[in-house]
Amino acid sequence: MKKREYLDLLGGQLSGLPYGDVKEIVDEIDAHFESGMAAGKTEDEISDGLGSPIDYENLVLSLRPESGSIDFIYTLPKCFKIYTNTLSS
């Protein structure tokens, strides 16, 4: 899947979250694409390595506090690390 398609799908999957949270997540995944492409990977290889945007959404939502507090934003780097580590296992 191409980067733009992946990011659009992920953003759509997370549309129930506050805009700032969605932007933070999409920006983080975008940076992952950029660093992967700088290392010589194709967009398809990177998206395959990330797995489905739906799987990522499920992980994000499972780590989100029930209160929906702004503190959720601080869990995003941890969430991304957990998600990418589970894909490489």
N, C-alpha and C. Protein backbone atom coordinates (compact mmCIF):
# COMPACT_ATOMS: atom_id res chain seq x y z
N MET A 1 0.85 -1.17 0.00
CA MET A 1 0.00 0.00 0.00
C MET A 1 0.90 1.24 0.00
N LYS A 2 0.54 2.22 -0.76
CA LYS A 2 1.30 3.46 -0.83
C LYS A 2 1.11 4.28 0.44
N LYS A 3 2.09 5.14 0.70
CA LYS A 3 2.09 5.94 1.94
C LYS A 3 0.81 6.75 2.09
N ARG A 4 0.44 7.49 1.05
CA ARG A 4 -0.75 8.36 1.16
C ARG A 4 -2.00 7.55 1.45
N GLU A 5 -2.14 6.42 0.76
CA GLU A 5 -3.30 5.55 0.98
C GLU A 5 -3.31 5.03 2.42
N TYR A 6 -2.15 4.60 2.91
CA TYR A 6 -2.05 4.08 4.27
C TYR A 6 -2.43 5.16 5.28
N LEU A 7 -1.85 6.36 5.12
CA LEU A 7 -2.12 7.44 6.07
C LEU A 7 -3.57 7.88 6.02
N ASP A 8 -4.16 7.94 4.84
CA ASP A 8 -5.57 8.30 4.72
C ASP A 8 -6.47 7.27 5.38
N LEU A 9 -6.16 6.00 5.16
CA LEU A 9 -6.95 4.94 5.77
C LEU A 9 -6.81 4.97 7.29
N LEU A 10 -5.58 5.14 7.77
CA LEU A 10 -5.36 5.21 9.21
C LEU A 10 -6.11 6.40 9.82
N GLY A 11 -6.00 7.55 9.18
CA GLY A 11 -6.72 8.73 9.67
C GLY A 11 -8.22 8.51 9.73
N GLY A 12 -8.75 7.84 8.72
CA GLY A 12 -10.18 7.53 8.70
C GLY A 12 -10.57 6.56 9.80
N GLN A 13 -9.71 5.56 10.05
CA GLN A 13 -9.97 4.58 11.09
C GLN A 13 -10.00 5.24 12.47
N LEU A 14 -9.19 6.28 12.64
CA LEU A 14 -9.07 6.94 13.95
C LEU A 14 -9.95 8.17 14.07
N SER A 15 -10.87 8.36 13.14
CA SER A 15 -11.66 9.59 13.09
C SER A 15 -12.49 9.84 14.34
N GLY A 16 -12.70 8.83 15.16
CA GLY A 16 -13.46 9.02 16.40
C GLY A 16 -12.65 9.64 17.52
N LEU A 17 -11.34 9.73 17.33
CA LEU A 17 -10.47 10.33 18.34
C LEU A 17 -10.38 11.84 18.11
N PRO A 18 -9.94 12.58 19.12
CA PRO A 18 -9.74 14.02 18.93
C PRO A 18 -8.73 14.28 17.80
N TYR A 19 -8.94 15.38 17.09
CA TYR A 19 -8.11 15.72 15.94
C TYR A 19 -6.63 15.72 16.29
N GLY A 20 -6.26 16.31 17.40
CA GLY A 20 -4.85 16.39 17.79
C GLY A 20 -4.23 15.02 17.95
N ASP A 21 -4.97 14.07 18.51
CA ASP A 21 -4.47 12.71 18.68
C ASP A 21 -4.27 12.04 17.32
N VAL A 22 -5.23 12.20 16.44
CA VAL A 22 -5.13 11.61 15.10
C VAL A 22 -3.94 12.20 14.36
N LYS A 23 -3.79 13.51 14.43
CA LYS A 23 -2.67 14.17 13.75
C LYS A 23 -1.34 13.65 14.28
N GLU A 24 -1.21 13.50 15.59
CA GLU A 24 0.02 12.99 16.19
C GLU A 24 0.34 11.59 15.69
N ILE A 25 -0.66 10.74 15.63
CA ILE A 25 -0.46 9.36 15.17
C ILE A 25 -0.07 9.34 13.69
N VAL A 26 -0.81 10.06 12.88
CA VAL A 26 -0.54 10.08 11.43
C VAL A 26 0.85 10.68 11.17
N ASP A 27 1.21 11.73 11.90
CA ASP A 27 2.54 12.33 11.73
C ASP A 27 3.63 11.33 12.10
N GLU A 28 3.40 10.57 13.15
CA GLU A 28 4.39 9.58 13.58
C GLU A 28 4.57 8.48 12.54
N ILE A 29 3.48 8.01 11.97
CA ILE A 29 3.56 6.98 10.94
C ILE A 29 4.19 7.56 9.67
N ASP A 30 3.86 8.81 9.36
CA ASP A 30 4.47 9.48 8.21
C ASP A 30 5.99 9.54 8.38
N ALA A 31 6.45 9.88 9.57
CA ALA A 31 7.89 9.93 9.83
C ALA A 31 8.52 8.55 9.68
N HIS A 32 7.79 7.52 10.07
CA HIS A 32 8.28 6.15 9.90
C HIS A 32 8.44 5.83 8.42
N PHE A 33 7.48 6.24 7.61
CA PHE A 33 7.60 6.05 6.15
C PHE A 33 8.83 6.79 5.63
N GLU A 34 9.00 8.03 6.04
CA GLU A 34 10.12 8.84 5.55
C GLU A 34 11.46 8.21 5.91
N SER A 35 11.60 7.75 7.14
CA SER A 35 12.89 7.14 7.52
C SER A 35 13.10 5.82 6.80
N GLY A 36 12.04 5.07 6.57
CA GLY A 36 12.16 3.82 5.82
C GLY A 36 12.56 4.06 4.37
N MET A 37 11.97 5.08 3.75
CA MET A 37 12.32 5.39 2.37
C MET A 37 13.75 5.92 2.28
N ALA A 38 14.17 6.67 3.29
CA ALA A 38 15.56 7.15 3.32
C ALA A 38 16.54 5.99 3.44
N ALA A 39 16.08 4.88 4.02
CA ALA A 39 16.91 3.69 4.16
C ALA A 39 16.82 2.77 2.94
N GLY A 40 16.06 3.21 1.92
CA GLY A 40 15.99 2.44 0.69
C GLY A 40 14.79 1.52 0.55
N LYS A 41 13.87 1.56 1.48
CA LYS A 41 12.67 0.72 1.37
C LYS A 41 11.63 1.40 0.50
N THR A 42 10.78 0.60 -0.12
CA THR A 42 9.66 1.15 -0.89
C THR A 42 8.49 1.42 0.05
N GLU A 43 7.56 2.22 -0.42
CA GLU A 43 6.36 2.49 0.38
C GLU A 43 5.60 1.20 0.67
N ASP A 44 5.55 0.31 -0.31
CA ASP A 44 4.85 -0.96 -0.11
C ASP A 44 5.53 -1.82 0.95
N GLU A 45 6.86 -1.85 0.94
CA GLU A 45 7.58 -2.62 1.96
C GLU A 45 7.33 -2.06 3.35
N ILE A 46 7.31 -0.74 3.45
CA ILE A 46 7.08 -0.11 4.75
C ILE A 46 5.67 -0.40 5.24
N SER A 47 4.69 -0.22 4.38
CA SER A 47 3.30 -0.46 4.81
C SER A 47 3.08 -1.93 5.14
N ASP A 48 3.72 -2.83 4.40
CA ASP A 48 3.62 -4.26 4.74
C ASP A 48 4.22 -4.52 6.11
N GLY A 49 5.33 -3.85 6.42
CA GLY A 49 5.97 -4.01 7.71
C GLY A 49 5.15 -3.44 8.85
N LEU A 50 4.37 -2.40 8.56
CA LEU A 50 3.53 -1.79 9.59
C LEU A 50 2.29 -2.63 9.87
N GLY A 51 1.86 -3.40 8.90
CA GLY A 51 0.62 -4.14 9.07
C GLY A 51 -0.57 -3.26 8.73
N SER A 52 -1.72 -3.75 9.02
CA SER A 52 -2.97 -3.09 8.65
C SER A 52 -3.23 -1.85 9.51
N PRO A 53 -3.73 -0.76 8.90
CA PRO A 53 -4.14 0.40 9.69
C PRO A 53 -5.22 0.03 10.71
N ILE A 54 -6.03 -0.97 10.38
CA ILE A 54 -7.07 -1.41 11.31
C ILE A 54 -6.44 -2.05 12.54
N ASP A 55 -5.38 -2.83 12.36
CA ASP A 55 -4.68 -3.41 13.51
C ASP A 55 -4.06 -2.32 14.37
N TYR A 56 -3.48 -1.31 13.73
CA TYR A 56 -2.88 -0.21 14.48
C TYR A 56 -3.96 0.54 15.25
N GLU A 57 -5.10 0.77 14.62
CA GLU A 57 -6.22 1.43 15.29
C GLU A 57 -6.64 0.64 16.53
N ASN A 58 -6.75 -0.67 16.39
CA ASN A 58 -7.16 -1.49 17.53
C ASN A 58 -6.18 -1.36 18.69
N LEU A 59 -4.88 -1.33 18.39
CA LEU A 59 -3.89 -1.17 19.44
C LEU A 59 -4.01 0.20 20.09
N VAL A 60 -4.13 1.24 19.29
CA VAL A 60 -4.25 2.60 19.83
C VAL A 60 -5.46 2.68 20.76
N LEU A 61 -6.58 2.17 20.31
CA LEU A 61 -7.79 2.25 21.11
C LEU A 61 -7.69 1.40 22.38
N SER A 62 -6.97 0.30 22.32
CA SER A 62 -6.83 -0.53 23.52
C SER A 62 -5.94 0.13 24.57
N LEU A 63 -5.04 1.02 24.15
CA LEU A 63 -4.15 1.71 25.08
C LEU A 63 -4.71 3.06 25.53
N ARG A 64 -5.78 3.50 24.93
CA ARG A 64 -6.35 4.81 25.25
C ARG A 64 -7.10 4.74 26.58
N PRO A 65 -6.82 5.68 27.47
CA PRO A 65 -7.56 5.69 28.73
C PRO A 65 -9.05 5.91 28.49
N GLU A 66 -9.86 5.31 29.33
CA GLU A 66 -11.31 5.45 29.19
C GLU A 66 -11.76 6.90 29.27
N SER A 67 -11.06 7.69 30.07
CA SER A 67 -11.46 9.09 30.24
C SER A 67 -11.24 9.91 28.99
N GLY A 68 -10.39 9.42 28.08
CA GLY A 68 -10.10 10.17 26.87
C GLY A 68 -9.30 11.42 27.15
N SER A 69 -8.57 11.42 28.25
CA SER A 69 -7.83 12.61 28.66
C SER A 69 -6.72 12.94 27.68
N ILE A 70 -6.25 14.17 27.75
CA ILE A 70 -5.18 14.62 26.87
C ILE A 70 -3.89 13.86 27.14
N ASP A 71 -3.75 13.24 28.31
CA ASP A 71 -2.56 12.47 28.63
C ASP A 71 -2.35 11.32 27.64
N PHE A 72 -3.38 10.97 26.91
CA PHE A 72 -3.28 9.90 25.93
C PHE A 72 -2.16 10.17 24.93
N ILE A 73 -1.95 11.43 24.60
CA ILE A 73 -0.96 11.77 23.58
C ILE A 73 0.42 11.28 23.99
N TYR A 74 0.70 11.18 25.27
CA TYR A 74 2.02 10.75 25.72
C TYR A 74 2.23 9.25 25.55
N THR A 75 1.19 8.50 25.32
CA THR A 75 1.32 7.06 25.12
C THR A 75 1.59 6.71 23.66
N LEU A 76 1.47 7.65 22.75
CA LEU A 76 1.58 7.33 21.32
C LEU A 76 2.95 6.78 20.92
N PRO A 77 4.07 7.39 21.34
CA PRO A 77 5.35 6.78 20.96
C PRO A 77 5.48 5.36 21.51
N LYS A 78 5.02 5.14 22.73
CA LYS A 78 5.05 3.79 23.31
C LYS A 78 4.18 2.85 22.49
N CYS A 79 3.01 3.33 22.10
CA CYS A 79 2.08 2.53 21.31
C CYS A 79 2.73 2.12 19.99
N PHE A 80 3.37 3.07 19.31
CA PHE A 80 4.00 2.77 18.03
C PHE A 80 5.12 1.76 18.23
N LYS A 81 5.92 1.92 19.29
CA LYS A 81 7.02 0.99 19.56
C LYS A 81 6.47 -0.41 19.83
N ILE A 82 5.43 -0.52 20.63
CA ILE A 82 4.82 -1.82 20.92
C ILE A 82 4.32 -2.44 19.62
N TYR A 83 3.62 -1.64 18.81
CA TYR A 83 3.04 -2.14 17.58
C TYR A 83 4.11 -2.64 16.61
N THR A 84 5.15 -1.86 16.40
CA THR A 84 6.17 -2.28 15.45
C THR A 84 6.98 -3.45 15.98
N ASN A 85 7.15 -3.54 17.29
CA ASN A 85 7.85 -4.69 17.86
C ASN A 85 7.04 -5.97 17.69
N THR A 86 5.73 -5.90 17.80
CA THR A 86 4.91 -7.10 17.64
C THR A 86 4.95 -7.58 16.19
N LEU A 87 5.11 -6.66 15.25
CA LEU A 87 5.17 -7.06 13.84
C LEU A 87 6.48 -7.76 13.51
N SER A 88 7.54 -7.38 14.19
CA SER A 88 8.84 -7.97 13.87
C SER A 88 9.08 -9.29 14.61
N SER A 89 8.17 -9.64 15.53
CA SER A 89 8.34 -10.89 16.30
C SER A 89 7.91 -12.09 15.49
